[in-house]
Amino acid sequence: VTASLAALDRIVFEPALPAPHLDALAKIGRGREGKVFAVFEEAFWSPLRSFVAAADESWVQTFVDVSVLVGEPALCGFAPHRHTESLEAADDHEVRAQIARSLEQVWRWSLAQAAH
């Protein structure tokens, strides 16, 4: 079944969705989603095209490579509903810090890949 989160509230599943699925849906939340674009000197995340980097409840958790669209190494980051308001209220420095915190584990991964 593919449906929006809002539509799931109106669908009755028999049998009911498993508890882990319901817990995951509760964590995602319903409502607006925040979005940021970040440009880099190099695509250190390559060959990953999209990934989740949810470090310590960072606001920006899901990333998609949009380099082809932007014309240089770039990611579009998405913030789930529960973090959208914080993201929108933040200044540029704070947004950059949140993105860096999320991407730290991906950066370490890329360094390990380069070492092999």
C-alpha atoms as a PDB file:
ATOM      1  CA  VAL A   1       0.000   0.000   0.000  1.00  0.00           C
ATOM      2  CA  THR A   2       1.308   3.416  -0.912  1.00  0.00           C
ATOM      3  CA  ALA A   3      -0.542   6.336   0.644  1.00  0.00           C
ATOM      4  CA  SER A   4       0.277   9.699   2.148  1.00  0.00           C
ATOM      5  CA  LEU A   5       0.631   9.867   5.922  1.00  0.00           C
ATOM      6  CA  ALA A   6      -2.506  11.971   6.145  1.00  0.00           C
ATOM      7  CA  ALA A   7      -4.478   9.358   4.188  1.00  0.00           C
ATOM      8  CA  LEU A   8      -3.301   6.566   6.494  1.00  0.00           C
ATOM      9  CA  ASP A   9      -5.483   7.990   9.264  1.00  0.00           C
ATOM     10  CA  ARG A  10      -8.559   7.226   7.158  1.00  0.00           C
ATOM     11  CA  ILE A  11      -7.540   3.715   6.069  1.00  0.00           C
ATOM     12  CA  VAL A  12      -8.515   0.689   8.131  1.00  0.00           C
ATOM     13  CA  PHE A  13      -6.016  -2.166   7.900  1.00  0.00           C
ATOM     14  CA  GLU A  14      -7.058  -5.770   8.565  1.00  0.00           C
ATOM     15  CA  PRO A  15      -4.974  -6.994  10.261  1.00  0.00           C
ATOM     16  CA  ALA A  16      -3.773  -3.784  11.877  1.00  0.00           C
ATOM     17  CA  LEU A  17      -0.348  -2.407  11.022  1.00  0.00           C
ATOM     18  CA  PRO A  18       2.409  -3.882  13.231  1.00  0.00           C
ATOM     19  CA  ALA A  19       3.500  -1.816  16.251  1.00  0.00           C
ATOM     20  CA  PRO A  20       6.984  -1.054  14.813  1.00  0.00           C
ATOM     21  CA  HIS A  21       5.336   0.437  11.718  1.00  0.00           C
ATOM     22  CA  LEU A  22       2.992   2.550  13.821  1.00  0.00           C
ATOM     23  CA  ASP A  23       5.923   3.712  15.985  1.00  0.00           C
ATOM     24  CA  ALA A  24       7.880   4.719  12.869  1.00  0.00           C
ATOM     25  CA  LEU A  25       4.896   6.644  11.500  1.00  0.00           C
ATOM     26  CA  ALA A  26       4.515   8.452  14.827  1.00  0.00           C
ATOM     27  CA  LYS A  27       8.179   9.495  14.715  1.00  0.00           C
ATOM     28  CA  ILE A  28       7.872  10.846  11.182  1.00  0.00           C
ATOM     29  CA  GLY A  29       4.845  12.911  12.100  1.00  0.00           C
ATOM     30  CA  ARG A  30       2.305  14.533   9.851  1.00  0.00           C
ATOM     31  CA  GLY A  31       2.579  18.005   8.469  1.00  0.00           C
ATOM     32  CA  ARG A  32       5.107  20.211   6.758  1.00  0.00           C
ATOM     33  CA  GLU A  33       8.562  19.040   5.821  1.00  0.00           C
ATOM     34  CA  GLY A  34      11.588  21.340   5.872  1.00  0.00           C
ATOM     35  CA  LYS A  35      14.046  21.422   3.006  1.00  0.00           C
ATOM     36  CA  VAL A  36      17.559  22.885   2.615  1.00  0.00           C
ATOM     37  CA  PHE A  37      20.090  22.844  -0.200  1.00  0.00           C
ATOM     38  CA  ALA A  38      23.811  22.607   0.509  1.00  0.00           C
ATOM     39  CA  VAL A  39      26.614  23.001  -2.053  1.00  0.00           C
ATOM     40  CA  PHE A  40      30.061  21.439  -1.515  1.00  0.00           C
ATOM     41  CA  GLU A  41      33.482  21.488  -3.158  1.00  0.00           C
ATOM     42  CA  GLU A  42      33.319  17.734  -3.762  1.00  0.00           C
ATOM     43  CA  ALA A  43      30.672  15.010  -3.638  1.00  0.00           C
ATOM     44  CA  PHE A  44      32.194  13.145  -0.687  1.00  0.00           C
ATOM     45  CA  TRP A  45      28.988  11.088  -0.376  1.00  0.00           C
ATOM     46  CA  SER A  46      29.416   9.527  -3.827  1.00  0.00           C
ATOM     47  CA  PRO A  47      28.371   6.910  -4.925  1.00  0.00           C
ATOM     48  CA  LEU A  48      25.408   7.310  -2.541  1.00  0.00           C
ATOM     49  CA  ARG A  49      22.499   9.015  -4.322  1.00  0.00           C
ATOM     50  CA  SER A  50      20.328   9.335  -1.230  1.00  0.00           C
ATOM     51  CA  PHE A  51      20.755   8.411   2.404  1.00  0.00           C
ATOM     52  CA  VAL A  52      19.529   8.965   5.933  1.00  0.00           C
ATOM     53  CA  ALA A  53      21.959  10.527   8.401  1.00  0.00           C
ATOM     54  CA  ALA A  54      19.929  10.977  11.586  1.00  0.00           C
ATOM     55  CA  ALA A  55      22.710  11.895  13.998  1.00  0.00           C
ATOM     56  CA  ASP A  56      21.522  12.673  17.530  1.00  0.00           C
ATOM     57  CA  GLU A  57      18.150  14.038  16.437  1.00  0.00           C
ATOM     58  CA  SER A  58      19.660  16.487  13.978  1.00  0.00           C
ATOM     59  CA  TRP A  59      17.019  18.571  12.233  1.00  0.00           C
ATOM     60  CA  VAL A  60      18.110  17.532   8.731  1.00  0.00           C
ATOM     61  CA  GLN A  61      18.066  13.765   8.422  1.00  0.00           C
ATOM     62  CA  THR A  62      17.444  12.633   4.855  1.00  0.00           C
ATOM     63  CA  PHE A  63      19.591  13.723   1.936  1.00  0.00           C
ATOM     64  CA  VAL A  64      19.266  13.408  -1.827  1.00  0.00           C
ATOM     65  CA  ASP A  65      22.070  14.150  -4.286  1.00  0.00           C
ATOM     66  CA  VAL A  66      20.895  17.009  -6.512  1.00  0.00           C
ATOM     67  CA  SER A  67      24.278  17.693  -8.113  1.00  0.00           C
ATOM     68  CA  VAL A  68      22.983  17.108 -11.645  1.00  0.00           C
ATOM     69  CA  LEU A  69      20.248  19.699 -11.124  1.00  0.00           C
ATOM     70  CA  VAL A  70      22.480  22.287  -9.437  1.00  0.00           C
ATOM     71  CA  GLY A  71      25.526  21.830 -11.692  1.00  0.00           C
ATOM     72  CA  GLU A  72      27.960  21.285  -8.817  1.00  0.00           C
ATOM     73  CA  PRO A  73      28.188  18.900  -5.835  1.00  0.00           C
ATOM     74  CA  ALA A  74      24.995  19.546  -3.879  1.00  0.00           C
ATOM     75  CA  LEU A  75      22.575  17.847  -1.528  1.00  0.00           C
ATOM     76  CA  CYS A  76      18.961  18.563  -0.745  1.00  0.00           C
ATOM     77  CA  GLY A  77      18.308  17.817   2.917  1.00  0.00           C
ATOM     78  CA  PHE A  78      14.891  17.147   4.393  1.00  0.00           C
ATOM     79  CA  ALA A  79      13.768  17.806   7.950  1.00  0.00           C
ATOM     80  CA  PRO A  80      10.840  15.821   9.328  1.00  0.00           C
ATOM     81  CA  HIS A  81       7.767  17.629  10.593  1.00  0.00           C
ATOM     82  CA  ARG A  82       8.919  17.775  14.220  1.00  0.00           C
ATOM     83  CA  HIS A  83      12.053  19.746  13.242  1.00  0.00           C
ATOM     84  CA  THR A  84      10.653  22.000  10.501  1.00  0.00           C
ATOM     85  CA  GLU A  85       9.815  24.899  12.796  1.00  0.00           C
ATOM     86  CA  SER A  86      13.309  24.895  14.338  1.00  0.00           C
ATOM     87  CA  LEU A  87      14.899  24.773  10.896  1.00  0.00           C
ATOM     88  CA  GLU A  88      12.821  27.686   9.629  1.00  0.00           C
ATOM     89  CA  ALA A  89      13.617  29.818  12.709  1.00  0.00           C
ATOM     90  CA  ALA A  90      17.377  29.145  12.602  1.00  0.00           C
ATOM     91  CA  ASP A  91      20.007  31.469  11.186  1.00  0.00           C
ATOM     92  CA  ASP A  92      22.432  30.353   8.445  1.00  0.00           C
ATOM     93  CA  HIS A  93      25.170  29.443  10.932  1.00  0.00           C
ATOM     94  CA  GLU A  94      22.854  27.159  12.903  1.00  0.00           C
ATOM     95  CA  VAL A  95      21.512  25.486   9.741  1.00  0.00           C
ATOM     96  CA  ARG A  96      25.086  24.818   8.552  1.00  0.00           C
ATOM     97  CA  ALA A  97      25.948  23.334  11.957  1.00  0.00           C
ATOM     98  CA  GLN A  98      22.930  21.018  11.802  1.00  0.00           C
ATOM     99  CA  ILE A  99      23.855  19.850   8.287  1.00  0.00           C
ATOM    100  CA  ALA A 100      27.494  19.297   9.322  1.00  0.00           C
ATOM    101  CA  ARG A 101      26.416  17.287  12.345  1.00  0.00           C
ATOM    102  CA  SER A 102      24.194  15.076  10.215  1.00  0.00           C
ATOM    103  CA  LEU A 103      26.818  14.571   7.526  1.00  0.00           C
ATOM    104  CA  GLU A 104      29.722  13.843   9.872  1.00  0.00           C
ATOM    105  CA  GLN A 105      29.093  10.098   9.765  1.00  0.00           C
ATOM    106  CA  VAL A 106      28.868  10.171   5.944  1.00  0.00           C
ATOM    107  CA  TRP A 107      32.149  12.119   5.786  1.00  0.00           C
ATOM    108  CA  ARG A 108      33.848   9.476   7.981  1.00  0.00           C
ATOM    109  CA  TRP A 109      32.423   6.752   5.727  1.00  0.00           C
ATOM    110  CA  SER A 110      33.847   8.481   2.645  1.00  0.00           C
ATOM    111  CA  LEU A 111      37.286   8.740   4.257  1.00  0.00           C
ATOM    112  CA  ALA A 112      37.196   5.021   5.085  1.00  0.00           C
ATOM    113  CA  GLN A 113      36.198   4.209   1.496  1.00  0.00           C
ATOM    114  CA  ALA A 114      39.056   6.328   0.152  1.00  0.00           C
ATOM    115  CA  ALA A 115      41.532   4.526   2.419  1.00  0.00           C
ATOM    116  CA  HIS A 116      40.682   1.173   0.816  1.00  0.00           C
END
